[in-house]
Amino acid sequence: MIDKHRLGARDVERDNPYHLALGFCLETLYEFLIEKNQDAKKTHVVFECRGKKEDKDLELEFRRICDGENKLGAPLPFEIVFADKKANSSGLQLADLVARPIGMSVLRPSQDNRAFEVLTRKFYCDGGRENVGSGYENWGLKVFPPQISEKPR
């Protein structure tokens, strides 16, 4: 989750929240594929269309990250696919369903959030699936900028 308010007055062009999230997601997806011995296979990543300029900018950033400008310094085996909102993709619907509970868990951590409690058992975890429900901070759930008590991974 990118906390846009805490990201604040930093260089907006360099720290585009959507592009930051893209980089974190692609890097974590690649680490997951390595764990599952699937990292040599081409993987399609689907994005909902947002507008001609936004899609072009996102594709440029996607290709830059996949060409090796990432924390791993390695090329990533991903292909970008854009889907129109009218496609009614189940994957995009799922992303919409989980976004709010995740965001609320960070913005209002003391508020009851049963949906997030269920989601914590689904996150990618440090140490693999044996750590289901814990060990997901900075793995399956990354908050940026990190909160003061957190150490970035």
Protein backbone atom coordinates (compact mmCIF):
# COMPACT_ATOMS: atom_id res chain seq x y z
CA MET A 1 0.00 0.00 0.00
CA ILE A 2 1.34 3.41 -0.94
CA ASP A 3 0.43 6.02 1.67
CA LYS A 4 0.09 9.02 -0.64
CA HIS A 5 -0.28 11.47 2.26
CA ARG A 6 2.99 10.35 3.85
CA LEU A 7 4.68 10.23 0.46
CA GLY A 8 3.77 13.90 0.47
CA ALA A 9 5.83 16.59 -1.15
CA ARG A 10 8.56 14.33 -2.49
CA ASP A 11 9.37 14.45 -6.19
CA VAL A 12 5.98 13.43 -7.66
CA GLU A 13 7.43 12.47 -11.05
CA ARG A 14 10.03 10.19 -9.51
CA ASP A 15 7.73 8.86 -6.80
CA ASN A 16 4.53 8.31 -8.78
CA PRO A 17 2.52 6.16 -6.33
CA TYR A 18 1.18 3.90 -9.09
CA HIS A 19 4.70 3.31 -10.45
CA LEU A 20 6.11 2.66 -6.98
CA ALA A 21 3.39 0.09 -6.32
CA LEU A 22 4.07 -1.48 -9.73
CA GLY A 23 7.74 -1.96 -8.90
CA PHE A 24 7.04 -3.45 -5.48
CA CYS A 25 4.41 -5.81 -6.92
CA LEU A 26 6.54 -7.02 -9.83
CA GLU A 27 9.55 -7.63 -7.58
CA THR A 28 7.46 -9.58 -5.06
CA LEU A 29 5.72 -11.53 -7.83
CA TYR A 30 9.10 -12.51 -9.25
CA GLU A 31 10.33 -13.64 -5.81
CA PHE A 32 7.16 -15.73 -5.47
CA LEU A 33 7.77 -17.30 -8.89
CA ILE A 34 11.36 -18.11 -7.88
CA GLU A 35 10.05 -19.80 -4.72
CA LYS A 36 7.70 -21.92 -6.87
CA ASN A 37 10.39 -22.67 -9.52
CA GLN A 38 8.31 -20.87 -12.15
CA ASP A 39 10.61 -17.88 -12.72
CA ALA A 40 11.78 -19.00 -16.18
CA LYS A 41 8.25 -18.94 -17.61
CA LYS A 42 6.60 -15.93 -19.27
CA THR A 43 3.91 -14.48 -16.99
CA HIS A 44 1.20 -12.09 -18.17
CA VAL A 45 0.30 -9.28 -15.77
CA VAL A 46 -3.13 -7.71 -16.36
CA PHE A 47 -3.88 -4.04 -15.72
CA GLU A 48 -7.18 -2.25 -15.96
CA CYS A 49 -7.17 0.48 -18.61
CA ARG A 50 -7.05 3.95 -17.04
CA GLY A 51 -6.68 6.24 -20.05
CA LYS A 52 -4.41 6.53 -23.08
CA LYS A 53 -1.69 8.65 -21.42
CA GLU A 54 -1.81 6.75 -18.11
CA ASP A 55 -1.63 3.38 -19.89
CA LYS A 56 1.32 4.54 -22.01
CA ASP A 57 3.17 5.84 -18.93
CA LEU A 58 2.44 2.61 -17.03
CA GLU A 59 3.66 0.44 -19.90
CA LEU A 60 6.88 2.45 -20.13
CA GLU A 61 7.49 2.02 -16.38
CA PHE A 62 6.57 -1.68 -16.59
CA ARG A 63 9.11 -2.27 -19.36
CA ARG A 64 11.79 -0.28 -17.51
CA ILE A 65 11.31 -2.42 -14.39
CA CYS A 66 11.22 -5.66 -16.39
CA ASP A 67 14.40 -4.67 -18.25
CA GLY A 68 16.30 -4.81 -14.97
CA GLU A 69 15.73 -1.47 -13.22
CA ASN A 70 14.49 -3.14 -10.04
CA LYS A 71 15.87 -4.03 -6.60
CA LEU A 72 17.06 -7.40 -7.95
CA GLY A 73 18.88 -5.85 -10.90
CA ALA A 74 17.53 -8.69 -13.03
CA PRO A 75 15.28 -8.87 -16.08
CA LEU A 76 11.77 -10.00 -15.14
CA PRO A 77 9.84 -12.46 -17.38
CA PHE A 78 6.58 -10.50 -17.50
CA GLU A 79 4.34 -9.31 -20.31
CA ILE A 80 1.89 -6.47 -19.83
CA VAL A 81 -1.77 -6.89 -20.79
CA PHE A 82 -4.40 -4.15 -20.57
CA ALA A 83 -8.04 -5.06 -19.93
CA ASP A 84 -10.97 -2.72 -20.41
CA LYS A 85 -13.28 -2.24 -17.42
CA LYS A 86 -16.02 -3.82 -19.53
CA ALA A 87 -14.04 -7.08 -19.65
CA ASN A 88 -15.32 -7.76 -16.12
CA SER A 89 -12.16 -9.70 -15.24
CA SER A 90 -12.46 -11.80 -12.07
CA GLY A 91 -8.83 -10.97 -11.18
CA LEU A 92 -9.51 -7.23 -11.40
CA GLN A 93 -12.72 -7.66 -9.37
CA LEU A 94 -10.73 -9.50 -6.70
CA ALA A 95 -8.16 -6.69 -6.61
CA ASP A 96 -10.97 -4.18 -6.08
CA LEU A 97 -12.42 -6.29 -3.24
CA VAL A 98 -9.15 -6.57 -1.28
CA ALA A 99 -7.86 -3.02 -1.79
CA ARG A 100 -10.16 -1.29 0.69
CA PRO A 101 -9.69 -3.68 3.66
CA ILE A 102 -5.92 -3.54 3.16
CA GLY A 103 -5.87 0.25 2.97
CA MET A 104 -8.10 0.59 6.01
CA SER A 105 -5.84 -1.74 8.01
CA VAL A 106 -3.03 0.78 7.56
CA LEU A 107 -4.98 4.04 7.74
CA ARG A 108 -7.16 2.98 10.71
CA PRO A 109 -5.36 0.07 12.39
CA SER A 110 -7.50 0.17 15.56
CA GLN A 111 -10.78 -0.11 13.64
CA ASP A 112 -12.40 -3.57 13.37
CA ASN A 113 -11.63 -5.04 9.95
CA ARG A 114 -12.84 -8.65 9.61
CA ALA A 115 -12.15 -8.73 5.87
CA PHE A 116 -8.49 -7.87 6.50
CA GLU A 117 -8.26 -10.58 9.18
CA VAL A 118 -9.31 -13.13 6.54
CA LEU A 119 -6.86 -11.68 4.00
CA THR A 120 -3.86 -11.98 6.34
CA ARG A 121 -4.04 -15.77 5.92
CA LYS A 122 -3.60 -15.30 2.15
CA PHE A 123 -0.56 -13.02 2.02
CA TYR A 124 2.86 -14.10 0.79
CA CYS A 125 4.89 -14.62 3.97
CA ASP A 126 8.47 -14.60 5.16
CA GLY A 127 9.30 -18.29 5.53
CA GLY A 128 6.60 -19.48 3.14
CA ARG A 129 3.07 -20.66 3.80
CA GLU A 130 4.02 -22.13 7.21
CA ASN A 131 3.81 -18.56 8.54
CA VAL A 132 0.23 -18.06 7.36
CA GLY A 133 -1.33 -15.14 9.22
CA SER A 134 2.00 -13.69 10.36
CA GLY A 135 5.29 -12.73 8.81
CA TYR A 136 3.57 -10.94 5.92
CA GLU A 137 4.72 -7.40 6.77
CA ASN A 138 7.06 -6.16 4.00
CA TRP A 139 6.47 -9.42 2.11
CA GLY A 140 2.85 -9.88 1.05
CA LEU A 141 1.91 -6.51 2.51
CA LYS A 142 4.27 -3.63 1.94
CA VAL A 143 3.53 -0.15 3.24
CA PHE A 144 5.48 2.70 1.67
CA PRO A 145 6.91 4.94 2.95
CA PRO A 146 7.66 2.58 5.84
CA GLN A 147 6.22 3.51 9.17
CA ILE A 148 8.83 4.65 11.67
CA SER A 149 8.88 1.32 13.54
CA GLU A 150 9.27 -0.70 10.32
CA LYS A 151 12.49 -1.62 8.57
CA PRO A 152 12.21 -1.83 4.78
CA ARG A 153 12.95 -5.24 3.27
